[in-house]
Amino acid sequence: MTPSDLPLSEQTFFILLSLASAPRHGYAILKDVQQLSDGRITISVSTLYTSLKRLLEQGWIERVERDTPDESGRPRKEYRLTRAGHRILSSETTRLQGLLQAARQRLPQEP
């Protein structure tokens, strides 16, 4: 991980966050990202697979083949976070918490 890895785009953050709890296949990642972001982030299939390819190349995720086939009978490909992926997600979460803390110190509290 290098300083240039942060900040993550929201899309990348939510993809990594989706994979933090369990491996998922592409469609499950799409749905989970939409749910985690309260519907703010909708990722197209092509954008998702472009992002997954980049995250695989960066070593932040890895592919896992499951015995359960998909609808076409092919083995279902799932993705999971690597240790590097966990570290980058943790670093970004810490960075975001620092931003939130600074904002809370400066913004007036709601009555």
N, C-alpha and C. Protein backbone atom coordinates (compact mmCIF):
# COMPACT_ATOMS: atom_id res chain seq x y z
N MET A 1 0.85 -1.17 0.00
CA MET A 1 0.00 0.00 0.00
C MET A 1 0.90 1.24 0.00
N THR A 2 0.52 2.19 -0.81
CA THR A 2 1.26 3.44 -0.87
C THR A 2 0.30 4.59 -0.58
N PRO A 3 0.84 5.75 -0.22
CA PRO A 3 -0.03 6.90 0.03
C PRO A 3 -0.92 7.23 -1.16
N SER A 4 -0.48 6.89 -2.37
CA SER A 4 -1.29 7.20 -3.55
C SER A 4 -2.50 6.27 -3.67
N ASP A 5 -2.55 5.19 -2.86
CA ASP A 5 -3.70 4.28 -2.89
C ASP A 5 -4.94 4.91 -2.25
N LEU A 6 -4.73 5.93 -1.42
CA LEU A 6 -5.84 6.59 -0.74
C LEU A 6 -5.97 8.01 -1.25
N PRO A 7 -7.12 8.58 -1.28
CA PRO A 7 -8.39 8.00 -0.88
C PRO A 7 -8.93 7.05 -1.95
N LEU A 8 -9.74 6.11 -1.52
CA LEU A 8 -10.42 5.21 -2.45
C LEU A 8 -11.64 5.92 -3.00
N SER A 9 -12.02 5.55 -4.21
CA SER A 9 -13.31 6.03 -4.72
C SER A 9 -14.40 5.35 -3.89
N GLU A 10 -15.55 5.97 -3.84
CA GLU A 10 -16.67 5.37 -3.10
C GLU A 10 -16.98 3.98 -3.63
N GLN A 11 -16.95 3.86 -4.93
CA GLN A 11 -17.24 2.59 -5.58
C GLN A 11 -16.28 1.50 -5.11
N THR A 12 -14.98 1.80 -5.14
CA THR A 12 -13.98 0.83 -4.69
C THR A 12 -14.15 0.53 -3.21
N PHE A 13 -14.39 1.56 -2.41
CA PHE A 13 -14.60 1.36 -0.98
C PHE A 13 -15.74 0.38 -0.73
N PHE A 14 -16.86 0.58 -1.40
CA PHE A 14 -18.01 -0.28 -1.17
C PHE A 14 -17.81 -1.69 -1.73
N ILE A 15 -17.07 -1.85 -2.81
CA ILE A 15 -16.76 -3.20 -3.31
C ILE A 15 -15.93 -3.94 -2.28
N LEU A 16 -14.88 -3.29 -1.77
CA LEU A 16 -14.05 -3.93 -0.75
C LEU A 16 -14.86 -4.21 0.51
N LEU A 17 -15.69 -3.26 0.91
CA LEU A 17 -16.53 -3.44 2.09
C LEU A 17 -17.49 -4.62 1.91
N SER A 18 -18.02 -4.78 0.72
CA SER A 18 -18.91 -5.89 0.43
C SER A 18 -18.20 -7.23 0.63
N LEU A 19 -16.92 -7.27 0.30
CA LEU A 19 -16.16 -8.52 0.40
C LEU A 19 -15.55 -8.73 1.79
N ALA A 20 -15.71 -7.76 2.68
CA ALA A 20 -15.09 -7.86 4.01
C ALA A 20 -15.72 -8.96 4.86
N SER A 21 -16.99 -9.21 4.68
CA SER A 21 -17.67 -10.18 5.55
C SER A 21 -17.65 -11.60 4.99
N ALA A 22 -17.59 -11.74 3.66
CA ALA A 22 -17.62 -13.07 3.05
C ALA A 22 -17.32 -12.97 1.56
N PRO A 23 -16.82 -14.04 0.96
CA PRO A 23 -16.65 -14.03 -0.49
C PRO A 23 -18.00 -13.87 -1.18
N ARG A 24 -17.99 -13.22 -2.33
CA ARG A 24 -19.23 -13.01 -3.09
C ARG A 24 -18.94 -13.11 -4.58
N HIS A 25 -19.96 -13.49 -5.33
CA HIS A 25 -19.87 -13.47 -6.79
C HIS A 25 -20.33 -12.09 -7.26
N GLY A 26 -20.11 -11.81 -8.54
CA GLY A 26 -20.35 -10.47 -9.08
C GLY A 26 -21.73 -9.91 -8.80
N TYR A 27 -22.78 -10.67 -9.10
CA TYR A 27 -24.13 -10.16 -8.90
C TYR A 27 -24.39 -9.85 -7.42
N ALA A 28 -23.88 -10.70 -6.53
CA ALA A 28 -24.06 -10.46 -5.09
C ALA A 28 -23.33 -9.19 -4.66
N ILE A 29 -22.17 -8.92 -5.26
CA ILE A 29 -21.44 -7.68 -4.95
C ILE A 29 -22.27 -6.48 -5.39
N LEU A 30 -22.83 -6.54 -6.61
CA LEU A 30 -23.66 -5.42 -7.10
C LEU A 30 -24.79 -5.11 -6.14
N LYS A 31 -25.50 -6.14 -5.73
CA LYS A 31 -26.65 -5.96 -4.84
C LYS A 31 -26.22 -5.47 -3.46
N ASP A 32 -25.12 -6.02 -2.95
CA ASP A 32 -24.65 -5.62 -1.62
C ASP A 32 -24.18 -4.17 -1.61
N VAL A 33 -23.47 -3.75 -2.65
CA VAL A 33 -23.01 -2.36 -2.74
C VAL A 33 -24.22 -1.42 -2.75
N GLN A 34 -25.23 -1.78 -3.49
CA GLN A 34 -26.43 -0.94 -3.54
C GLN A 34 -27.08 -0.85 -2.16
N GLN A 35 -27.14 -1.98 -1.46
CA GLN A 35 -27.74 -1.98 -0.12
C GLN A 35 -26.87 -1.22 0.88
N LEU A 36 -25.56 -1.46 0.88
CA LEU A 36 -24.66 -0.79 1.81
C LEU A 36 -24.67 0.73 1.64
N SER A 37 -24.85 1.17 0.39
CA SER A 37 -24.84 2.61 0.11
C SER A 37 -26.24 3.22 0.16
N ASP A 38 -27.19 2.49 0.67
CA ASP A 38 -28.59 2.96 0.72
C ASP A 38 -29.09 3.38 -0.66
N GLY A 39 -28.66 2.66 -1.69
CA GLY A 39 -29.12 2.93 -3.04
C GLY A 39 -28.41 4.06 -3.76
N ARG A 40 -27.46 4.70 -3.12
CA ARG A 40 -26.75 5.83 -3.76
C ARG A 40 -25.82 5.36 -4.87
N ILE A 41 -25.27 4.17 -4.72
CA ILE A 41 -24.29 3.69 -5.69
C ILE A 41 -24.86 2.47 -6.41
N THR A 42 -25.00 2.64 -7.71
CA THR A 42 -25.42 1.55 -8.58
C THR A 42 -24.30 1.35 -9.59
N ILE A 43 -23.75 0.15 -9.61
CA ILE A 43 -22.62 -0.15 -10.48
C ILE A 43 -23.11 -1.01 -11.64
N SER A 44 -22.72 -0.65 -12.86
CA SER A 44 -23.07 -1.48 -14.01
C SER A 44 -22.19 -2.73 -13.98
N VAL A 45 -22.64 -3.76 -14.67
CA VAL A 45 -21.90 -5.02 -14.72
C VAL A 45 -20.51 -4.79 -15.32
N SER A 46 -20.43 -4.04 -16.41
CA SER A 46 -19.12 -3.82 -17.04
C SER A 46 -18.18 -3.05 -16.12
N THR A 47 -18.70 -2.05 -15.42
CA THR A 47 -17.87 -1.29 -14.48
C THR A 47 -17.41 -2.17 -13.34
N LEU A 48 -18.30 -3.03 -12.84
CA LEU A 48 -17.92 -3.94 -11.74
C LEU A 48 -16.76 -4.82 -12.17
N TYR A 49 -16.87 -5.45 -13.34
CA TYR A 49 -15.82 -6.38 -13.74
C TYR A 49 -14.52 -5.67 -14.10
N THR A 50 -14.60 -4.43 -14.56
CA THR A 50 -13.39 -3.62 -14.76
C THR A 50 -12.74 -3.35 -13.40
N SER A 51 -13.55 -3.01 -12.42
CA SER A 51 -13.04 -2.74 -11.06
C SER A 51 -12.45 -4.01 -10.44
N LEU A 52 -13.15 -5.13 -10.60
CA LEU A 52 -12.65 -6.39 -10.04
C LEU A 52 -11.31 -6.78 -10.68
N LYS A 53 -11.18 -6.57 -11.98
CA LYS A 53 -9.91 -6.87 -12.67
C LYS A 53 -8.79 -6.02 -12.08
N ARG A 54 -9.05 -4.74 -11.88
CA ARG A 54 -8.04 -3.84 -11.31
C ARG A 54 -7.68 -4.26 -9.89
N LEU A 55 -8.69 -4.59 -9.08
CA LEU A 55 -8.44 -5.01 -7.69
C LEU A 55 -7.67 -6.33 -7.63
N LEU A 56 -7.93 -7.23 -8.58
CA LEU A 56 -7.16 -8.47 -8.67
C LEU A 56 -5.69 -8.15 -9.00
N GLU A 57 -5.48 -7.26 -9.96
CA GLU A 57 -4.12 -6.87 -10.35
C GLU A 57 -3.38 -6.19 -9.21
N GLN A 58 -4.09 -5.41 -8.40
CA GLN A 58 -3.47 -4.74 -7.26
C GLN A 58 -3.20 -5.70 -6.10
N GLY A 59 -3.80 -6.87 -6.15
CA GLY A 59 -3.62 -7.85 -5.08
C GLY A 59 -4.51 -7.60 -3.87
N TRP A 60 -5.55 -6.80 -4.04
CA TRP A 60 -6.44 -6.48 -2.92
C TRP A 60 -7.56 -7.50 -2.78
N ILE A 61 -7.86 -8.22 -3.88
CA ILE A 61 -8.83 -9.31 -3.84
C ILE A 61 -8.23 -10.50 -4.57
N GLU A 62 -8.87 -11.67 -4.37
CA GLU A 62 -8.48 -12.86 -5.11
C GLU A 62 -9.73 -13.61 -5.51
N ARG A 63 -9.59 -14.41 -6.56
CA ARG A 63 -10.73 -15.18 -7.06
C ARG A 63 -10.76 -16.53 -6.35
N VAL A 64 -11.98 -16.97 -6.06
CA VAL A 64 -12.20 -18.26 -5.42
C VAL A 64 -13.21 -19.00 -6.29
N GLU A 65 -12.90 -20.22 -6.68
CA GLU A 65 -13.85 -21.01 -7.46
C GLU A 65 -14.64 -21.89 -6.51
N ARG A 66 -15.95 -21.86 -6.65
CA ARG A 66 -16.84 -22.65 -5.81
C ARG A 66 -17.33 -23.87 -6.59
N ASP A 67 -17.68 -24.90 -5.86
CA ASP A 67 -18.21 -26.11 -6.48
C ASP A 67 -19.61 -25.89 -7.04
N THR A 68 -20.33 -24.93 -6.50
CA THR A 68 -21.69 -24.66 -6.94
C THR A 68 -21.65 -23.96 -8.29
N PRO A 69 -22.25 -24.56 -9.33
CA PRO A 69 -22.22 -23.92 -10.64
C PRO A 69 -23.23 -22.77 -10.74
N ASP A 70 -22.98 -21.88 -11.71
CA ASP A 70 -23.93 -20.81 -11.96
C ASP A 70 -25.06 -21.34 -12.85
N GLU A 71 -25.91 -20.45 -13.34
CA GLU A 71 -27.07 -20.85 -14.14
C GLU A 71 -26.68 -21.58 -15.42
N SER A 72 -25.49 -21.29 -15.96
CA SER A 72 -25.05 -21.93 -17.20
C SER A 72 -24.30 -23.23 -16.95
N GLY A 73 -24.14 -23.60 -15.69
CA GLY A 73 -23.43 -24.84 -15.37
C GLY A 73 -21.94 -24.68 -15.15
N ARG A 74 -21.44 -23.47 -15.36
CA ARG A 74 -20.00 -23.22 -15.13
C ARG A 74 -19.76 -22.98 -13.65
N PRO A 75 -18.54 -23.29 -13.19
CA PRO A 75 -18.23 -23.01 -11.78
C PRO A 75 -18.40 -21.52 -11.50
N ARG A 76 -19.02 -21.20 -10.37
CA ARG A 76 -19.26 -19.81 -10.00
C ARG A 76 -17.97 -19.21 -9.46
N LYS A 77 -17.61 -18.05 -9.98
CA LYS A 77 -16.41 -17.36 -9.51
C LYS A 77 -16.80 -16.38 -8.42
N GLU A 78 -16.15 -16.51 -7.31
CA GLU A 78 -16.37 -15.58 -6.22
C GLU A 78 -15.06 -14.86 -5.94
N TYR A 79 -15.17 -13.75 -5.25
CA TYR A 79 -14.02 -12.93 -4.92
C TYR A 79 -13.99 -12.73 -3.42
N ARG A 80 -12.77 -12.62 -2.88
CA ARG A 80 -12.62 -12.33 -1.45
C ARG A 80 -11.44 -11.39 -1.27
N LEU A 81 -11.45 -10.71 -0.13
CA LEU A 81 -10.36 -9.79 0.20
C LEU A 81 -9.10 -10.57 0.52
N THR A 82 -7.97 -10.01 0.14
CA THR A 82 -6.68 -10.53 0.58
C THR A 82 -6.27 -9.75 1.83
N ARG A 83 -5.15 -10.10 2.42
CA ARG A 83 -4.65 -9.32 3.56
C ARG A 83 -4.40 -7.87 3.16
N ALA A 84 -3.85 -7.70 1.96
CA ALA A 84 -3.61 -6.33 1.47
C ALA A 84 -4.93 -5.58 1.32
N GLY A 85 -5.96 -6.27 0.85
CA GLY A 85 -7.28 -5.65 0.73
C GLY A 85 -7.85 -5.25 2.07
N HIS A 86 -7.67 -6.11 3.07
CA HIS A 86 -8.13 -5.77 4.43
C HIS A 86 -7.38 -4.54 4.95
N ARG A 87 -6.07 -4.50 4.71
CA ARG A 87 -5.26 -3.36 5.18
C ARG A 87 -5.70 -2.05 4.53
N ILE A 88 -5.93 -2.08 3.21
CA ILE A 88 -6.31 -0.85 2.52
C ILE A 88 -7.70 -0.41 2.97
N LEU A 89 -8.61 -1.35 3.17
CA LEU A 89 -9.96 -1.01 3.64
C LEU A 89 -9.90 -0.44 5.05
N SER A 90 -9.08 -1.03 5.89
CA SER A 90 -8.92 -0.53 7.26
C SER A 90 -8.30 0.87 7.26
N SER A 91 -7.29 1.09 6.42
CA SER A 91 -6.65 2.40 6.33
C SER A 91 -7.62 3.47 5.85
N GLU A 92 -8.43 3.11 4.86
CA GLU A 92 -9.41 4.08 4.35
C GLU A 92 -10.47 4.37 5.39
N THR A 93 -10.89 3.37 6.13
CA THR A 93 -11.88 3.57 7.19
C THR A 93 -11.33 4.50 8.26
N THR A 94 -10.08 4.31 8.64
CA THR A 94 -9.43 5.19 9.61
C THR A 94 -9.35 6.61 9.08
N ARG A 95 -9.01 6.77 7.81
CA ARG A 95 -8.94 8.09 7.19
C ARG A 95 -10.31 8.77 7.22
N LEU A 96 -11.34 8.03 6.87
CA LEU A 96 -12.70 8.58 6.87
C LEU A 96 -13.16 8.95 8.27
N GLN A 97 -12.80 8.14 9.26
CA GLN A 97 -13.15 8.46 10.65
C GLN A 97 -12.49 9.75 11.09
N GLY A 98 -11.26 9.99 10.66
CA GLY A 98 -10.57 11.24 10.97
C GLY A 98 -11.27 12.43 10.36
N LEU A 99 -11.73 12.29 9.13
CA LEU A 99 -12.48 13.37 8.48
C LEU A 99 -13.78 13.66 9.23
N LEU A 100 -14.47 12.61 9.62
CA LEU A 100 -15.73 12.76 10.35
C LEU A 100 -15.50 13.43 11.70
N GLN A 101 -14.43 13.03 12.38
CA GLN A 101 -14.12 13.63 13.69
C GLN A 101 -13.84 15.13 13.54
N ALA A 102 -13.07 15.50 12.52
CA ALA A 102 -12.78 16.91 12.29
C ALA A 102 -14.06 17.68 11.98
N ALA A 103 -14.93 17.10 11.18
CA ALA A 103 -16.19 17.77 10.84
C ALA A 103 -17.07 17.95 12.07
N ARG A 104 -17.11 16.95 12.92
CA ARG A 104 -17.93 17.04 14.13
C ARG A 104 -17.41 18.12 15.09
N GLN A 105 -16.09 18.34 15.10
CA GLN A 105 -15.52 19.38 15.96
C GLN A 105 -15.88 20.77 15.47
N ARG A 106 -16.04 20.95 14.18
CA ARG A 106 -16.27 22.28 13.61
C ARG A 106 -17.72 22.61 13.33
N LEU A 107 -18.52 21.60 13.03
CA LEU A 107 -19.91 21.87 12.71
C LEU A 107 -20.75 21.99 13.96
N PRO A 108 -21.67 22.94 13.98
CA PRO A 108 -22.53 23.06 15.16
C PRO A 108 -23.41 21.82 15.30
N GLN A 109 -23.67 21.47 16.54
CA GLN A 109 -24.54 20.32 16.80
C GLN A 109 -25.98 20.68 16.53
N GLU A 110 -26.72 19.75 15.97
CA GLU A 110 -28.15 19.94 15.72
C GLU A 110 -28.88 19.94 17.07
N PRO A 111 -29.90 20.81 17.25
CA PRO A 111 -30.64 20.84 18.53
C PRO A 111 -31.47 19.58 18.71
